[in-house]
Amino acid sequence: MLPTTVLLWLIANKKHFNNLASSVILAIDTAYRKVVRLFTSVAEACKEISTMSTRPASLILEESFLSIRAKVLEIAAALDRIDRAEERVEPLAPDKIARREKIDDAIQLLLTEGDDRAERIQLLFSREYSPSWRSEMKIE
């Protein structure tokens, strides 16, 4: 619990406290924008590095096969549980159907050619950037 003197100071300096809160929110917004730029740069650098890979594809497949197999089986089992529950218990709620459709879309993306599947799937599951995100998330 705050000492009485601190509470009195906060009450007396409410305007300064509000200004401080606004400054903190602005600093967080600025930091967020910097992080977004940094991650974008890192993603582009990773893509460049991945295209310059000198390891043979057969070695990468050999190292990753068991892990990939386990993840595919995990996805298949989860989808089986969802399908069985839809048949036996109740259908998916309307607000959940869009999520299931995104999973189906991601699986279709996995079946396409190219070296940017992970990027396309990440974008599929990501929200689009909105300049008014603070008001949409009721932060302001």
Protein backbone atom coordinates (compact mmCIF):
# COMPACT_ATOMS: atom_id res chain seq x y z
CA MET A 1 0.00 0.00 0.00
CA LEU A 2 1.26 3.48 -0.87
CA PRO A 3 2.15 5.82 2.00
CA THR A 4 -0.29 8.70 2.54
CA THR A 5 2.28 11.28 1.43
CA VAL A 6 2.70 9.52 -1.92
CA LEU A 7 -1.07 9.37 -2.42
CA LEU A 8 -1.41 13.06 -1.58
CA TRP A 9 1.40 13.90 -4.01
CA LEU A 10 -0.30 11.87 -6.78
CA ILE A 11 -3.61 13.66 -6.16
CA ALA A 12 -1.94 17.07 -6.11
CA ASN A 13 0.05 16.32 -9.27
CA LYS A 14 -2.65 14.54 -11.27
CA LYS A 15 -1.99 16.63 -14.37
CA HIS A 16 1.72 15.77 -14.27
CA PHE A 17 0.86 12.14 -13.66
CA ASN A 18 -1.45 12.10 -16.74
CA ASN A 19 1.31 13.72 -18.82
CA LEU A 20 3.70 11.05 -17.59
CA ALA A 21 1.23 8.30 -18.53
CA SER A 22 0.84 9.82 -22.02
CA SER A 23 4.61 9.94 -22.39
CA VAL A 24 4.90 6.30 -21.38
CA ILE A 25 2.25 5.27 -23.92
CA LEU A 26 4.03 7.26 -26.64
CA ALA A 27 7.34 5.62 -25.70
CA ILE A 28 5.73 2.17 -25.88
CA ASP A 29 4.24 2.96 -29.29
CA THR A 30 7.63 4.18 -30.56
CA ALA A 31 9.34 1.07 -29.20
CA TYR A 32 6.69 -1.14 -30.83
CA ARG A 33 7.32 0.48 -34.21
CA LYS A 34 11.07 -0.05 -33.80
CA VAL A 35 10.53 -3.71 -32.91
CA VAL A 36 8.32 -4.20 -35.98
CA ARG A 37 11.03 -2.67 -38.19
CA LEU A 38 13.68 -4.83 -36.49
CA PHE A 39 11.71 -8.05 -36.96
CA THR A 40 11.05 -7.14 -40.58
CA SER A 41 14.79 -6.65 -41.10
CA VAL A 42 15.59 -9.90 -39.30
CA ALA A 43 13.02 -11.79 -41.39
CA GLU A 44 14.51 -10.41 -44.59
CA ALA A 45 18.02 -11.30 -43.43
CA CYS A 46 16.92 -14.83 -42.51
CA LYS A 47 15.35 -15.25 -45.92
CA GLU A 48 18.60 -14.16 -47.58
CA ILE A 49 20.63 -16.52 -45.40
CA SER A 50 18.26 -19.41 -46.07
CA THR A 51 18.57 -18.93 -49.82
CA MET A 52 22.37 -19.01 -49.49
CA SER A 53 22.32 -22.34 -47.62
CA THR A 54 25.27 -24.51 -48.54
CA ARG A 55 23.96 -27.65 -46.85
CA PRO A 56 22.54 -30.29 -49.17
CA ALA A 57 18.77 -30.75 -49.17
CA SER A 58 19.15 -34.49 -48.46
CA LEU A 59 21.08 -33.71 -45.25
CA ILE A 60 18.47 -31.18 -44.12
CA LEU A 61 15.71 -33.72 -44.81
CA GLU A 62 17.56 -36.45 -42.94
CA GLU A 63 18.07 -34.19 -39.89
CA SER A 64 14.47 -32.93 -39.88
CA PHE A 65 12.48 -35.99 -40.95
CA LEU A 66 11.53 -37.37 -37.51
CA SER A 67 10.61 -33.93 -36.18
CA ILE A 68 8.50 -33.14 -39.24
CA ARG A 69 6.81 -36.54 -39.05
CA ALA A 70 5.93 -36.00 -35.38
CA LYS A 71 4.46 -32.56 -36.09
CA VAL A 72 2.38 -33.82 -39.00
CA LEU A 73 1.04 -36.67 -36.84
CA GLU A 74 0.24 -34.19 -34.05
CA ILE A 75 -1.73 -32.00 -36.48
CA ALA A 76 -3.56 -35.01 -37.92
CA ALA A 77 -4.50 -36.23 -34.43
CA ALA A 78 -5.82 -32.80 -33.41
CA LEU A 79 -7.91 -32.53 -36.58
CA ASP A 80 -9.25 -36.06 -35.99
CA ARG A 81 -10.31 -35.09 -32.46
CA ILE A 82 -12.07 -31.97 -33.77
CA ASP A 83 -13.87 -33.95 -36.48
CA ARG A 84 -14.97 -36.68 -34.06
CA ALA A 85 -16.25 -34.08 -31.59
CA GLU A 86 -18.18 -32.34 -34.38
CA GLU A 87 -19.85 -35.63 -35.33
CA ARG A 88 -20.54 -36.94 -31.83
CA VAL A 89 -20.94 -33.91 -29.58
CA GLU A 90 -21.80 -30.76 -31.49
CA PRO A 91 -20.73 -28.86 -34.61
CA LEU A 92 -18.20 -26.07 -34.38
CA ALA A 93 -19.58 -22.77 -33.17
CA PRO A 94 -19.85 -20.16 -35.93
CA ASP A 95 -17.05 -18.06 -34.41
CA LYS A 96 -14.71 -21.11 -34.50
CA ILE A 97 -15.38 -22.09 -38.12
CA ALA A 98 -13.12 -19.30 -39.40
CA ARG A 99 -10.25 -20.64 -37.27
CA ARG A 100 -10.71 -24.14 -38.66
CA GLU A 101 -10.80 -22.72 -42.19
CA LYS A 102 -7.49 -20.91 -41.53
CA ILE A 103 -5.93 -24.22 -40.50
CA ASP A 104 -7.23 -25.81 -43.72
CA ASP A 105 -5.82 -22.87 -45.73
CA ALA A 106 -2.45 -23.27 -44.01
CA ILE A 107 -2.37 -26.96 -44.87
CA GLN A 108 -3.09 -26.07 -48.51
CA LEU A 109 -0.21 -23.57 -48.40
CA LEU A 110 2.08 -26.34 -47.14
CA LEU A 111 1.34 -28.29 -50.31
CA THR A 112 2.45 -25.47 -52.62
CA GLU A 113 5.90 -25.05 -54.13
CA GLY A 114 8.40 -22.40 -53.12
CA ASP A 115 10.81 -21.51 -50.37
CA ASP A 116 8.53 -19.02 -48.64
CA ARG A 117 5.80 -21.28 -47.23
CA ALA A 118 6.60 -20.40 -43.61
CA GLU A 119 6.32 -16.69 -44.41
CA ARG A 120 3.00 -17.14 -46.22
CA ILE A 121 1.57 -19.23 -43.37
CA GLN A 122 2.73 -16.69 -40.78
CA LEU A 123 1.01 -13.95 -42.77
CA LEU A 124 -2.15 -16.06 -43.00
CA PHE A 125 -2.36 -16.25 -39.20
CA SER A 126 -1.27 -12.65 -38.56
CA ARG A 127 -3.40 -9.57 -38.14
CA GLU A 128 -2.85 -6.83 -40.67
CA TYR A 129 -1.18 -3.72 -39.27
CA SER A 130 -3.58 -0.91 -38.57
CA PRO A 131 -2.33 2.60 -37.81
CA SER A 132 -5.25 2.99 -35.41
CA TRP A 133 -4.43 -0.20 -33.48
CA ARG A 134 -4.30 1.66 -30.15
CA SER A 135 -7.90 2.86 -30.38
CA GLU A 136 -9.06 -0.51 -31.77
CA MET A 137 -7.50 -2.26 -28.78
CA LYS A 138 -8.90 0.47 -26.50
CA ILE A 139 -5.46 1.52 -25.26
CA GLU A 140 -6.00 5.26 -25.71
